[in-house]
Amino acid sequence: MDRPRTHPEGPEPINIDVSCRRSTVERKTKETDIKVTLNLDGSGEAKVDSGIGFLDHMLCALSKHARFDLTLSCKGDLHIDDHHSVEDCGIVLGQAFKHALGEPRGISRFGHAFAPLDEALSRAVVDVSGRAHASVNLQLRREKLGSLSCEMIPHFIESFAAQAAITLHVDVLKGSNDHHRAESAFKALALALRAALTRDQSAGVPSTKGVL
């Protein structure tokens, strides 16, 4: 599997409101045309059209349980396969997250959560560290969930973490149904992100270095 592309320059956000932790980012390439609007202090409302039904399902779960308001549209080269659309959705969502957050000041920084879905149980641990790292172990067995390649699910999370500049550890601890495994993982990630972004004005910049 390809490593997530970092795109250090990134697109220019067309709108940023850091006081409300909101941003809108657009990115257009020869492979995809994506627009994301993200509000980190929302109520969990999602309008998502990636062109890939199961990815939409996961992003709606992420939005709902993180309490992010998310609007995402993607027109991609799905006649080839799902790789470019999935990866680039992760890239643009990560960029929108980073722009919306702004300077990571006055937040808890760390978050962790467990989320069950019937027989499946997942754990996610988040550090809004300014350092991009993702360790993802979902233990998926099927080739696809709907039209989404299972190998692209961890790749989406890796691409998101790379652009958001955060550290993620996401593990499915048990489960027998791949739909349940994947969905519990996204729900755990959502809850961990929500905890990490909780406002804590006493924290200042939450690092002994004084900068993140």
N, C-alpha and C. Protein backbone atom coordinates (compact mmCIF):
# COMPACT_ATOMS: atom_id res chain seq x y z
N MET A 1 0.84 -1.19 0.00
CA MET A 1 0.00 0.00 0.00
C MET A 1 0.88 1.24 0.00
N ASP A 2 0.51 2.28 -0.75
CA ASP A 2 1.25 3.52 -0.77
C ASP A 2 1.20 4.19 0.58
N ARG A 3 2.30 4.88 0.91
CA ARG A 3 2.29 5.69 2.12
C ARG A 3 1.48 6.95 1.87
N PRO A 4 0.80 7.49 2.89
CA PRO A 4 0.03 8.70 2.68
C PRO A 4 0.92 9.85 2.24
N ARG A 5 0.46 10.62 1.27
CA ARG A 5 1.21 11.77 0.80
C ARG A 5 1.03 12.93 1.77
N THR A 6 2.10 13.65 2.05
CA THR A 6 2.04 14.67 3.09
C THR A 6 1.59 16.02 2.56
N HIS A 7 1.90 16.38 1.31
CA HIS A 7 1.50 17.67 0.74
C HIS A 7 1.78 18.80 1.72
N PRO A 8 3.07 19.11 1.98
CA PRO A 8 3.39 20.09 3.01
C PRO A 8 2.78 21.46 2.74
N GLU A 9 2.63 21.85 1.48
CA GLU A 9 2.06 23.15 1.20
C GLU A 9 0.56 23.13 1.41
N GLY A 10 -0.11 22.14 0.84
CA GLY A 10 -1.55 21.99 1.00
C GLY A 10 -2.29 23.06 0.22
N PRO A 11 -3.61 22.94 0.14
CA PRO A 11 -4.40 23.95 -0.55
C PRO A 11 -4.60 25.16 0.34
N GLU A 12 -4.95 26.28 -0.27
CA GLU A 12 -5.31 27.44 0.52
C GLU A 12 -6.74 27.26 1.04
N PRO A 13 -6.94 27.34 2.36
CA PRO A 13 -8.32 27.26 2.86
C PRO A 13 -9.08 28.47 2.38
N ILE A 14 -10.32 28.27 1.98
CA ILE A 14 -11.08 29.41 1.48
C ILE A 14 -11.78 30.14 2.62
N ASN A 15 -11.82 29.52 3.79
CA ASN A 15 -12.45 30.20 4.92
C ASN A 15 -11.97 29.56 6.21
N ILE A 16 -11.49 30.39 7.15
CA ILE A 16 -11.08 29.90 8.47
C ILE A 16 -11.68 30.80 9.53
N ASP A 17 -12.27 30.21 10.54
CA ASP A 17 -12.77 30.94 11.70
C ASP A 17 -12.30 30.19 12.93
N VAL A 18 -11.08 30.53 13.39
CA VAL A 18 -10.46 29.77 14.47
C VAL A 18 -11.20 30.00 15.79
N SER A 19 -11.82 31.19 15.97
CA SER A 19 -12.54 31.45 17.21
C SER A 19 -13.66 30.44 17.40
N CYS A 20 -14.25 30.00 16.30
CA CYS A 20 -15.30 28.99 16.34
C CYS A 20 -14.78 27.63 15.88
N ARG A 21 -13.51 27.53 15.61
CA ARG A 21 -12.84 26.31 15.18
C ARG A 21 -13.56 25.72 13.96
N ARG A 22 -13.61 26.51 12.90
CA ARG A 22 -14.23 26.11 11.65
C ARG A 22 -13.28 26.36 10.49
N SER A 23 -13.40 25.59 9.45
CA SER A 23 -12.64 25.86 8.23
C SER A 23 -13.32 25.21 7.04
N THR A 24 -12.99 25.73 5.87
CA THR A 24 -13.39 25.13 4.61
C THR A 24 -12.16 25.00 3.73
N VAL A 25 -11.95 23.82 3.18
CA VAL A 25 -10.79 23.56 2.35
C VAL A 25 -11.25 22.89 1.06
N GLU A 26 -10.67 23.34 -0.05
CA GLU A 26 -10.92 22.72 -1.34
C GLU A 26 -9.61 22.23 -1.93
N ARG A 27 -9.67 21.11 -2.63
CA ARG A 27 -8.48 20.56 -3.28
C ARG A 27 -8.92 19.89 -4.58
N LYS A 28 -8.29 20.30 -5.67
CA LYS A 28 -8.62 19.75 -6.97
C LYS A 28 -7.37 19.26 -7.66
N THR A 29 -7.37 18.00 -8.07
CA THR A 29 -6.26 17.42 -8.82
C THR A 29 -6.85 16.75 -10.07
N LYS A 30 -5.99 16.10 -10.83
CA LYS A 30 -6.47 15.36 -11.99
C LYS A 30 -7.20 14.09 -11.58
N GLU A 31 -7.12 13.74 -10.28
CA GLU A 31 -7.75 12.51 -9.79
C GLU A 31 -9.03 12.76 -8.99
N THR A 32 -9.06 13.88 -8.26
CA THR A 32 -10.21 14.15 -7.39
C THR A 32 -10.50 15.65 -7.32
N ASP A 33 -11.73 15.95 -6.98
CA ASP A 33 -12.16 17.33 -6.72
C ASP A 33 -12.96 17.28 -5.42
N ILE A 34 -12.38 17.83 -4.34
CA ILE A 34 -12.93 17.65 -2.99
C ILE A 34 -13.11 19.00 -2.30
N LYS A 35 -14.21 19.13 -1.59
CA LYS A 35 -14.46 20.29 -0.73
C LYS A 35 -14.93 19.79 0.62
N VAL A 36 -14.32 20.30 1.67
CA VAL A 36 -14.67 19.93 3.05
C VAL A 36 -14.92 21.19 3.86
N THR A 37 -16.03 21.23 4.56
CA THR A 37 -16.30 22.25 5.57
C THR A 37 -16.43 21.53 6.91
N LEU A 38 -15.66 22.00 7.89
CA LEU A 38 -15.59 21.31 9.17
C LEU A 38 -15.75 22.30 10.31
N ASN A 39 -16.63 21.98 11.24
CA ASN A 39 -16.81 22.74 12.47
C ASN A 39 -16.54 21.81 13.64
N LEU A 40 -15.44 22.05 14.35
CA LEU A 40 -15.05 21.17 15.45
C LEU A 40 -15.95 21.33 16.67
N ASP A 41 -16.74 22.40 16.71
CA ASP A 41 -17.63 22.67 17.85
C ASP A 41 -19.09 22.57 17.41
N GLY A 42 -19.39 21.54 16.65
CA GLY A 42 -20.72 21.39 16.11
C GLY A 42 -21.60 20.51 16.97
N SER A 43 -22.59 19.91 16.32
CA SER A 43 -23.54 19.04 17.00
C SER A 43 -23.60 17.65 16.39
N GLY A 44 -22.70 17.38 15.43
CA GLY A 44 -22.66 16.07 14.83
C GLY A 44 -23.45 15.95 13.53
N GLU A 45 -23.73 17.08 12.90
CA GLU A 45 -24.46 17.06 11.63
C GLU A 45 -23.49 16.77 10.49
N ALA A 46 -23.89 15.87 9.58
CA ALA A 46 -23.02 15.48 8.48
C ALA A 46 -23.79 15.47 7.16
N LYS A 47 -23.16 16.02 6.14
CA LYS A 47 -23.63 15.90 4.77
C LYS A 47 -22.43 15.44 3.95
N VAL A 48 -22.40 14.16 3.65
CA VAL A 48 -21.20 13.55 3.08
C VAL A 48 -21.56 12.83 1.79
N ASP A 49 -20.79 13.11 0.74
CA ASP A 49 -20.94 12.41 -0.53
C ASP A 49 -19.55 12.21 -1.13
N SER A 50 -18.92 11.11 -0.75
CA SER A 50 -17.59 10.79 -1.26
C SER A 50 -17.65 9.98 -2.55
N GLY A 51 -18.85 9.50 -2.89
CA GLY A 51 -18.98 8.58 -4.01
C GLY A 51 -18.82 7.13 -3.61
N ILE A 52 -18.50 6.91 -2.31
CA ILE A 52 -18.26 5.55 -1.80
C ILE A 52 -19.15 5.38 -0.56
N GLY A 53 -20.17 4.57 -0.68
CA GLY A 53 -21.19 4.49 0.36
C GLY A 53 -20.67 4.15 1.73
N PHE A 54 -19.79 3.16 1.84
CA PHE A 54 -19.34 2.75 3.17
C PHE A 54 -18.44 3.81 3.79
N LEU A 55 -17.66 4.52 2.98
CA LEU A 55 -16.86 5.62 3.52
C LEU A 55 -17.78 6.72 4.04
N ASP A 56 -18.85 7.02 3.32
CA ASP A 56 -19.83 8.00 3.81
C ASP A 56 -20.38 7.57 5.18
N HIS A 57 -20.69 6.28 5.30
CA HIS A 57 -21.21 5.74 6.55
C HIS A 57 -20.23 5.95 7.70
N MET A 58 -18.94 5.71 7.46
CA MET A 58 -17.93 5.89 8.49
C MET A 58 -17.73 7.36 8.85
N LEU A 59 -17.76 8.23 7.85
CA LEU A 59 -17.58 9.66 8.12
C LEU A 59 -18.77 10.24 8.86
N CYS A 60 -19.95 9.74 8.58
CA CYS A 60 -21.13 10.19 9.34
C CYS A 60 -21.03 9.75 10.80
N ALA A 61 -20.52 8.54 11.04
CA ALA A 61 -20.32 8.08 12.41
C ALA A 61 -19.26 8.92 13.12
N LEU A 62 -18.18 9.23 12.41
CA LEU A 62 -17.12 10.07 12.98
C LEU A 62 -17.68 11.44 13.35
N SER A 63 -18.42 12.05 12.45
CA SER A 63 -19.02 13.35 12.69
C SER A 63 -19.97 13.33 13.90
N LYS A 64 -20.84 12.34 13.92
CA LYS A 64 -21.85 12.27 14.98
C LYS A 64 -21.23 12.16 16.36
N HIS A 65 -20.26 11.26 16.51
CA HIS A 65 -19.75 10.97 17.86
C HIS A 65 -18.63 11.89 18.29
N ALA A 66 -17.97 12.56 17.33
CA ALA A 66 -17.01 13.61 17.69
C ALA A 66 -17.70 14.95 17.90
N ARG A 67 -18.99 15.04 17.50
CA ARG A 67 -19.77 16.28 17.53
C ARG A 67 -19.18 17.30 16.55
N PHE A 68 -18.61 16.81 15.46
CA PHE A 68 -18.17 17.68 14.38
C PHE A 68 -19.33 17.90 13.41
N ASP A 69 -19.49 19.11 12.92
CA ASP A 69 -20.35 19.33 11.76
C ASP A 69 -19.46 19.20 10.52
N LEU A 70 -19.84 18.31 9.63
CA LEU A 70 -18.99 17.98 8.49
C LEU A 70 -19.79 17.99 7.20
N THR A 71 -19.31 18.76 6.25
CA THR A 71 -19.82 18.69 4.88
C THR A 71 -18.66 18.30 3.98
N LEU A 72 -18.82 17.21 3.25
CA LEU A 72 -17.75 16.72 2.37
C LEU A 72 -18.35 16.28 1.05
N SER A 73 -17.77 16.78 -0.03
CA SER A 73 -18.14 16.32 -1.37
C SER A 73 -16.87 15.93 -2.11
N CYS A 74 -16.95 14.83 -2.83
CA CYS A 74 -15.80 14.34 -3.59
C CYS A 74 -16.27 13.79 -4.92
N LYS A 75 -15.65 14.27 -5.98
CA LYS A 75 -15.81 13.69 -7.30
C LYS A 75 -14.46 13.11 -7.69
N GLY A 76 -14.39 11.78 -7.76
CA GLY A 76 -13.11 11.13 -8.00
C GLY A 76 -13.15 10.15 -9.14
N ASP A 77 -11.99 9.64 -9.47
CA ASP A 77 -11.84 8.71 -10.61
C ASP A 77 -12.17 7.28 -10.18
N LEU A 78 -13.41 7.09 -9.74
CA LEU A 78 -13.83 5.77 -9.27
C LEU A 78 -13.91 4.74 -10.38
N HIS A 79 -13.84 5.19 -11.64
CA HIS A 79 -13.77 4.23 -12.74
C HIS A 79 -12.44 3.48 -12.74
N ILE A 80 -11.44 4.04 -12.03
CA ILE A 80 -10.16 3.34 -11.87
C ILE A 80 -10.25 2.43 -10.65
N ASP A 81 -10.37 3.01 -9.48
CA ASP A 81 -10.67 2.28 -8.25
C ASP A 81 -10.93 3.32 -7.17
N ASP A 82 -10.98 2.88 -5.91
CA ASP A 82 -11.34 3.80 -4.84
C ASP A 82 -10.14 4.47 -4.17
N HIS A 83 -8.92 4.14 -4.59
CA HIS A 83 -7.73 4.57 -3.87
C HIS A 83 -7.62 6.09 -3.79
N HIS A 84 -7.67 6.76 -4.93
CA HIS A 84 -7.44 8.21 -4.93
C HIS A 84 -8.52 8.94 -4.14
N SER A 85 -9.77 8.53 -4.29
CA SER A 85 -10.86 9.22 -3.58
C SER A 85 -10.73 9.05 -2.07
N VAL A 86 -10.45 7.84 -1.62
CA VAL A 86 -10.35 7.59 -0.19
C VAL A 86 -9.16 8.33 0.41
N GLU A 87 -8.00 8.19 -0.22
CA GLU A 87 -6.81 8.86 0.28
C GLU A 87 -6.98 10.37 0.32
N ASP A 88 -7.50 10.93 -0.77
CA ASP A 88 -7.62 12.38 -0.85
C ASP A 88 -8.69 12.93 0.08
N CYS A 89 -9.75 12.17 0.34
CA CYS A 89 -10.72 12.58 1.37
C CYS A 89 -10.04 12.66 2.73
N GLY A 90 -9.19 11.70 3.05
CA GLY A 90 -8.44 11.74 4.30
C GLY A 90 -7.50 12.93 4.36
N ILE A 91 -6.84 13.23 3.24
CA ILE A 91 -5.92 14.36 3.18
C ILE A 91 -6.66 15.67 3.43
N VAL A 92 -7.75 15.90 2.72
CA VAL A 92 -8.45 17.18 2.84
C VAL A 92 -9.14 17.31 4.20
N LEU A 93 -9.69 16.22 4.72
CA LEU A 93 -10.28 16.28 6.06
C LEU A 93 -9.21 16.61 7.09
N GLY A 94 -8.04 16.03 6.97
CA GLY A 94 -6.95 16.35 7.89
C GLY A 94 -6.52 17.80 7.80
N GLN A 95 -6.46 18.33 6.58
CA GLN A 95 -6.09 19.74 6.41
C GLN A 95 -7.16 20.65 7.01
N ALA A 96 -8.42 20.30 6.80
CA ALA A 96 -9.50 21.10 7.38
C ALA A 96 -9.45 21.08 8.91
N PHE A 97 -9.15 19.91 9.47
CA PHE A 97 -9.00 19.77 10.92
C PHE A 97 -7.90 20.68 11.44
N LYS A 98 -6.74 20.64 10.78
CA LYS A 98 -5.60 21.44 11.24
C LYS A 98 -5.90 22.92 11.15
N HIS A 99 -6.51 23.35 10.05
CA HIS A 99 -6.84 24.77 9.88
C HIS A 99 -7.89 25.20 10.90
N ALA A 100 -8.90 24.35 11.14
CA ALA A 100 -9.96 24.71 12.08
C ALA A 100 -9.42 24.82 13.51
N LEU A 101 -8.52 23.94 13.87
CA LEU A 101 -7.98 23.95 15.23
C LEU A 101 -7.09 25.15 15.47
N GLY A 102 -6.30 25.53 14.46
CA GLY A 102 -5.35 26.62 14.65
C GLY A 102 -4.26 26.21 15.63
N GLU A 103 -3.78 27.17 16.40
CA GLU A 103 -2.76 26.85 17.41
C GLU A 103 -3.39 25.95 18.47
N PRO A 104 -2.77 24.80 18.76
CA PRO A 104 -3.35 23.88 19.77
C PRO A 104 -3.12 24.40 21.19
N ARG A 105 -3.88 25.39 21.55
CA ARG A 105 -3.78 26.04 22.85
C ARG A 105 -5.13 25.92 23.56
N GLY A 106 -5.09 25.70 24.87
CA GLY A 106 -6.33 25.66 25.64
C GLY A 106 -7.18 24.45 25.36
N ILE A 107 -6.53 23.31 25.06
CA ILE A 107 -7.26 22.06 24.85
C ILE A 107 -6.65 20.98 25.73
N SER A 108 -7.38 19.89 25.88
CA SER A 108 -6.87 18.79 26.70
C SER A 108 -5.65 18.13 26.06
N ARG A 109 -5.60 18.11 24.74
CA ARG A 109 -4.54 17.54 23.92
C ARG A 109 -4.65 16.03 23.78
N PHE A 110 -4.81 15.31 24.88
CA PHE A 110 -4.88 13.84 24.84
C PHE A 110 -6.33 13.37 24.96
N GLY A 111 -6.61 12.28 24.29
CA GLY A 111 -7.93 11.67 24.42
C GLY A 111 -7.85 10.19 24.13
N HIS A 112 -8.67 9.43 24.83
CA HIS A 112 -8.73 7.99 24.54
C HIS A 112 -10.18 7.53 24.75
N ALA A 113 -10.52 6.45 24.06
CA ALA A 113 -11.89 5.95 24.16
C ALA A 113 -11.97 4.52 23.70
N PHE A 114 -12.94 3.81 24.25
CA PHE A 114 -13.33 2.49 23.76
C PHE A 114 -14.74 2.63 23.19
N ALA A 115 -15.01 1.88 22.13
CA ALA A 115 -16.36 1.88 21.56
C ALA A 115 -16.72 0.46 21.12
N PRO A 116 -17.81 -0.07 21.63
CA PRO A 116 -18.28 -1.38 21.19
C PRO A 116 -19.31 -1.24 20.08
N LEU A 117 -19.43 -2.24 19.27
CA LEU A 117 -20.58 -2.41 18.38
C LEU A 117 -20.89 -3.90 18.36
N ASP A 118 -21.87 -4.27 19.15
CA ASP A 118 -22.21 -5.68 19.34
C ASP A 118 -20.96 -6.44 19.78
N GLU A 119 -20.51 -7.41 18.99
CA GLU A 119 -19.39 -8.26 19.41
C GLU A 119 -18.03 -7.59 19.22
N ALA A 120 -17.98 -6.47 18.48
CA ALA A 120 -16.72 -5.79 18.19
C ALA A 120 -16.42 -4.74 19.25
N LEU A 121 -15.13 -4.57 19.53
CA LEU A 121 -14.68 -3.58 20.50
C LEU A 121 -13.40 -2.94 19.97
N SER A 122 -13.38 -1.61 19.95
CA SER A 122 -12.20 -0.88 19.46
C SER A 122 -11.73 0.14 20.48
N ARG A 123 -10.45 0.45 20.38
CA ARG A 123 -9.82 1.45 21.25
C ARG A 123 -9.10 2.47 20.37
N ALA A 124 -9.22 3.74 20.72
CA ALA A 124 -8.50 4.79 20.03
C ALA A 124 -7.84 5.71 21.05
N VAL A 125 -6.60 6.10 20.75
CA VAL A 125 -5.85 7.02 21.60
C VAL A 125 -5.31 8.13 20.70
N VAL A 126 -5.51 9.38 21.11
CA VAL A 126 -5.18 10.54 20.30
C VAL A 126 -4.26 11.47 21.08
N ASP A 127 -3.28 12.02 20.38
CA ASP A 127 -2.43 13.08 20.92
C ASP A 127 -2.36 14.18 19.87
N VAL A 128 -2.94 15.33 20.19
CA VAL A 128 -2.86 16.48 19.27
C VAL A 128 -1.48 17.11 19.50
N SER A 129 -0.49 16.48 18.92
CA SER A 129 0.91 16.71 19.27
C SER A 129 1.66 17.59 18.29
N GLY A 130 1.08 17.83 17.11
CA GLY A 130 1.83 18.49 16.05
C GLY A 130 2.76 17.56 15.32
N ARG A 131 2.75 16.28 15.71
CA ARG A 131 3.59 15.27 15.06
C ARG A 131 2.67 14.21 14.44
N ALA A 132 2.86 13.97 13.18
CA ALA A 132 1.99 13.06 12.44
C ALA A 132 2.45 11.62 12.61
N HIS A 133 1.57 10.80 13.17
CA HIS A 133 1.84 9.37 13.28
C HIS A 133 0.51 8.64 13.41
N ALA A 134 0.41 7.50 12.75
CA ALA A 134 -0.79 6.68 12.88
C ALA A 134 -0.40 5.21 12.94
N SER A 135 -0.86 4.56 13.97
CA SER A 135 -0.71 3.11 14.11
C SER A 135 -2.13 2.54 14.12
N VAL A 136 -2.46 1.80 13.06
CA VAL A 136 -3.84 1.36 12.86
C VAL A 136 -3.87 -0.15 12.65
N ASN A 137 -4.61 -0.84 13.48
CA ASN A 137 -4.73 -2.29 13.37
C ASN A 137 -6.21 -2.65 13.52
N LEU A 138 -6.86 -2.85 12.38
CA LEU A 138 -8.29 -3.10 12.38
C LEU A 138 -8.66 -4.57 12.23
N GLN A 139 -7.72 -5.39 11.85
CA GLN A 139 -7.93 -6.84 11.73
C GLN A 139 -9.08 -7.19 10.78
N LEU A 140 -9.20 -6.43 9.70
CA LEU A 140 -10.27 -6.69 8.74
C LEU A 140 -9.89 -7.87 7.85
N ARG A 141 -10.88 -8.67 7.51
CA ARG A 141 -10.63 -9.90 6.76
C ARG A 141 -11.20 -9.88 5.35
N ARG A 142 -12.27 -9.12 5.15
CA ARG A 142 -12.89 -9.07 3.84
C ARG A 142 -12.08 -8.20 2.89
N GLU A 143 -12.27 -8.42 1.60
CA GLU A 143 -11.60 -7.58 0.61
C GLU A 143 -12.25 -6.20 0.55
N LYS A 144 -13.57 -6.17 0.65
CA LYS A 144 -14.30 -4.92 0.55
C LYS A 144 -15.47 -4.89 1.53
N LEU A 145 -15.84 -3.69 1.92
CA LEU A 145 -17.10 -3.43 2.62
C LEU A 145 -17.89 -2.51 1.71
N GLY A 146 -18.94 -3.05 1.10
CA GLY A 146 -19.60 -2.32 0.04
C GLY A 146 -18.62 -2.13 -1.10
N SER A 147 -18.43 -0.89 -1.54
CA SER A 147 -17.47 -0.60 -2.61
C SER A 147 -16.15 -0.05 -2.07
N LEU A 148 -15.98 -0.09 -0.76
CA LEU A 148 -14.76 0.42 -0.13
C LEU A 148 -13.78 -0.72 0.14
N SER A 149 -12.60 -0.63 -0.44
CA SER A 149 -11.56 -1.63 -0.20
C SER A 149 -11.13 -1.58 1.26
N CYS A 150 -11.08 -2.73 1.91
CA CYS A 150 -10.72 -2.76 3.34
C CYS A 150 -9.31 -2.25 3.58
N GLU A 151 -8.41 -2.44 2.62
CA GLU A 151 -7.04 -1.95 2.80
C GLU A 151 -7.00 -0.42 2.83
N MET A 152 -8.03 0.23 2.28
CA MET A 152 -8.04 1.69 2.25
C MET A 152 -8.57 2.31 3.53
N ILE A 153 -9.18 1.51 4.40
CA ILE A 153 -9.73 2.09 5.64
C ILE A 153 -8.60 2.55 6.57
N PRO A 154 -7.61 1.71 6.88
CA PRO A 154 -6.49 2.25 7.66
C PRO A 154 -5.72 3.33 6.91
N HIS A 155 -5.66 3.23 5.59
CA HIS A 155 -4.95 4.24 4.81
C HIS A 155 -5.64 5.60 4.91
N PHE A 156 -6.96 5.61 4.96
CA PHE A 156 -7.70 6.85 5.18
C PHE A 156 -7.30 7.47 6.52
N ILE A 157 -7.27 6.66 7.57
CA ILE A 157 -6.92 7.17 8.90
C ILE A 157 -5.49 7.69 8.91
N GLU A 158 -4.58 6.98 8.25
CA GLU A 158 -3.18 7.43 8.17
C GLU A 158 -3.07 8.75 7.42
N SER A 159 -3.80 8.89 6.32
CA SER A 159 -3.76 10.13 5.54
C SER A 159 -4.33 11.30 6.34
N PHE A 160 -5.41 11.05 7.07
CA PHE A 160 -5.99 12.08 7.94
C PHE A 160 -4.99 12.53 8.99
N ALA A 161 -4.35 11.58 9.68
CA ALA A 161 -3.40 11.92 10.74
C ALA A 161 -2.20 12.69 10.20
N ALA A 162 -1.74 12.32 9.00
CA ALA A 162 -0.58 12.98 8.41
C ALA A 162 -0.85 14.46 8.18
N GLN A 163 -2.05 14.80 7.69
CA GLN A 163 -2.37 16.19 7.41
C GLN A 163 -2.84 16.95 8.63
N ALA A 164 -3.48 16.27 9.56
CA ALA A 164 -3.93 16.92 10.80
C ALA A 164 -2.76 17.16 11.75
N ALA A 165 -1.63 16.48 11.52
CA ALA A 165 -0.45 16.56 12.38
C ALA A 165 -0.78 16.12 13.80
N ILE A 166 -1.39 14.95 13.89
CA ILE A 166 -1.72 14.38 15.19
C ILE A 166 -1.25 12.93 15.24
N THR A 167 -1.14 12.42 16.45
CA THR A 167 -0.76 11.03 16.66
C THR A 167 -2.01 10.22 16.98
N LEU A 168 -2.19 9.12 16.26
CA LEU A 168 -3.34 8.25 16.46
C LEU A 168 -2.89 6.81 16.66
N HIS A 169 -3.52 6.13 17.60
CA HIS A 169 -3.42 4.68 17.73
C HIS A 169 -4.85 4.14 17.74
N VAL A 170 -5.18 3.36 16.74
CA VAL A 170 -6.53 2.82 16.61
C VAL A 170 -6.43 1.31 16.46
N ASP A 171 -7.04 0.60 17.38
CA ASP A 171 -6.95 -0.86 17.39
C ASP A 171 -8.32 -1.48 17.59
N VAL A 172 -8.65 -2.46 16.76
CA VAL A 172 -9.80 -3.31 17.01
C VAL A 172 -9.34 -4.42 17.95
N LEU A 173 -9.95 -4.50 19.11
CA LEU A 173 -9.50 -5.46 20.12
C LEU A 173 -10.13 -6.83 19.93
N LYS A 174 -11.38 -6.84 19.43
CA LYS A 174 -12.03 -8.11 19.14
C LYS A 174 -13.25 -7.87 18.26
N GLY A 175 -13.75 -8.94 17.70
CA GLY A 175 -14.91 -8.84 16.83
C GLY A 175 -14.84 -9.87 15.72
N SER A 176 -15.98 -10.22 15.18
CA SER A 176 -16.02 -11.21 14.11
C SER A 176 -16.62 -10.68 12.81
N ASN A 177 -17.30 -9.55 12.88
CA ASN A 177 -17.95 -8.96 11.72
C ASN A 177 -17.18 -7.72 11.28
N ASP A 178 -16.71 -7.69 10.03
CA ASP A 178 -15.86 -6.59 9.59
C ASP A 178 -16.58 -5.25 9.56
N HIS A 179 -17.85 -5.23 9.25
CA HIS A 179 -18.61 -3.98 9.32
C HIS A 179 -18.58 -3.44 10.75
N HIS A 180 -18.82 -4.31 11.71
CA HIS A 180 -18.80 -3.90 13.11
C HIS A 180 -17.41 -3.47 13.55
N ARG A 181 -16.38 -4.18 13.11
CA ARG A 181 -15.00 -3.81 13.48
C ARG A 181 -14.68 -2.40 12.99
N ALA A 182 -14.95 -2.15 11.71
CA ALA A 182 -14.63 -0.85 11.13
C ALA A 182 -15.43 0.27 11.80
N GLU A 183 -16.71 0.04 11.99
CA GLU A 183 -17.54 1.09 12.56
C GLU A 183 -17.19 1.37 14.01
N SER A 184 -16.90 0.35 14.78
CA SER A 184 -16.50 0.58 16.17
C SER A 184 -15.19 1.36 16.22
N ALA A 185 -14.29 1.11 15.26
CA ALA A 185 -13.02 1.84 15.22
C ALA A 185 -13.24 3.32 14.96
N PHE A 186 -14.12 3.65 14.01
CA PHE A 186 -14.40 5.06 13.72
C PHE A 186 -15.11 5.73 14.89
N LYS A 187 -15.98 5.00 15.57
CA LYS A 187 -16.66 5.58 16.73
C LYS A 187 -15.67 5.83 17.87
N ALA A 188 -14.76 4.90 18.09
CA ALA A 188 -13.74 5.10 19.13
C ALA A 188 -12.86 6.29 18.79
N LEU A 189 -12.48 6.40 17.51
CA LEU A 189 -11.67 7.54 17.09
C LEU A 189 -12.41 8.85 17.30
N ALA A 190 -13.68 8.87 16.97
CA ALA A 190 -14.49 10.07 17.17
C ALA A 190 -14.51 10.50 18.62
N LEU A 191 -14.75 9.54 19.51
CA LEU A 191 -14.83 9.85 20.94
C LEU A 191 -13.49 10.34 21.48
N ALA A 192 -12.39 9.73 21.01
CA ALA A 192 -11.06 10.15 21.45
C ALA A 192 -10.73 11.55 20.96
N LEU A 193 -11.09 11.87 19.71
CA LEU A 193 -10.88 13.21 19.19
C LEU A 193 -11.69 14.24 19.98
N ARG A 194 -12.92 13.89 20.28
CA ARG A 194 -13.77 14.79 21.05
C ARG A 194 -13.15 15.10 22.41
N ALA A 195 -12.59 14.07 23.05
CA ALA A 195 -11.95 14.28 24.36
C ALA A 195 -10.70 15.13 24.23
N ALA A 196 -9.90 14.87 23.21
CA ALA A 196 -8.63 15.60 23.04
C ALA A 196 -8.85 17.07 22.74
N LEU A 197 -9.97 17.39 22.08
CA LEU A 197 -10.24 18.78 21.69
C LEU A 197 -11.05 19.54 22.73
N THR A 198 -11.38 18.89 23.84
CA THR A 198 -12.12 19.57 24.91
C THR A 198 -11.36 20.81 25.37
N ARG A 199 -12.06 21.91 25.46
CA ARG A 199 -11.41 23.16 25.86
C ARG A 199 -10.98 23.10 27.33
N ASP A 200 -9.75 23.53 27.58
CA ASP A 200 -9.19 23.59 28.93
C ASP A 200 -8.29 24.81 28.98
N GLN A 201 -8.86 25.95 29.35
CA GLN A 201 -8.10 27.20 29.30
C GLN A 201 -6.92 27.20 30.27
N SER A 202 -6.97 26.36 31.31
CA SER A 202 -5.86 26.29 32.25
C SER A 202 -4.64 25.62 31.64
N ALA A 203 -4.82 24.93 30.51
CA ALA A 203 -3.72 24.19 29.91
C ALA A 203 -2.72 25.06 29.18
N GLY A 204 -3.15 26.26 28.73
CA GLY A 204 -2.30 27.05 27.86
C GLY A 204 -1.90 26.24 26.66
N VAL A 205 -0.63 26.30 26.30
CA VAL A 205 -0.10 25.36 25.31
C VAL A 205 0.23 24.07 26.08
N PRO A 206 -0.44 22.99 25.81
CA PRO A 206 -0.31 21.78 26.65
C PRO A 206 0.96 20.99 26.33
N SER A 207 2.10 21.62 26.59
CA SER A 207 3.39 20.96 26.37
C SER A 207 4.43 21.62 27.25
N THR A 208 5.34 20.82 27.81
CA THR A 208 6.42 21.37 28.61
C THR A 208 7.40 22.16 27.77
N LYS A 209 7.38 21.95 26.44
CA LYS A 209 8.24 22.72 25.53
C LYS A 209 7.71 24.12 25.33
N GLY A 210 6.43 24.33 25.60
CA GLY A 210 5.83 25.63 25.39
C GLY A 210 5.32 25.85 23.98
N VAL A 211 5.43 24.83 23.14
CA VAL A 211 4.98 24.93 21.76
C VAL A 211 4.62 23.54 21.25
N LEU A 212 3.63 23.47 20.40
CA LEU A 212 3.26 22.21 19.73
C LEU A 212 3.29 22.45 18.23
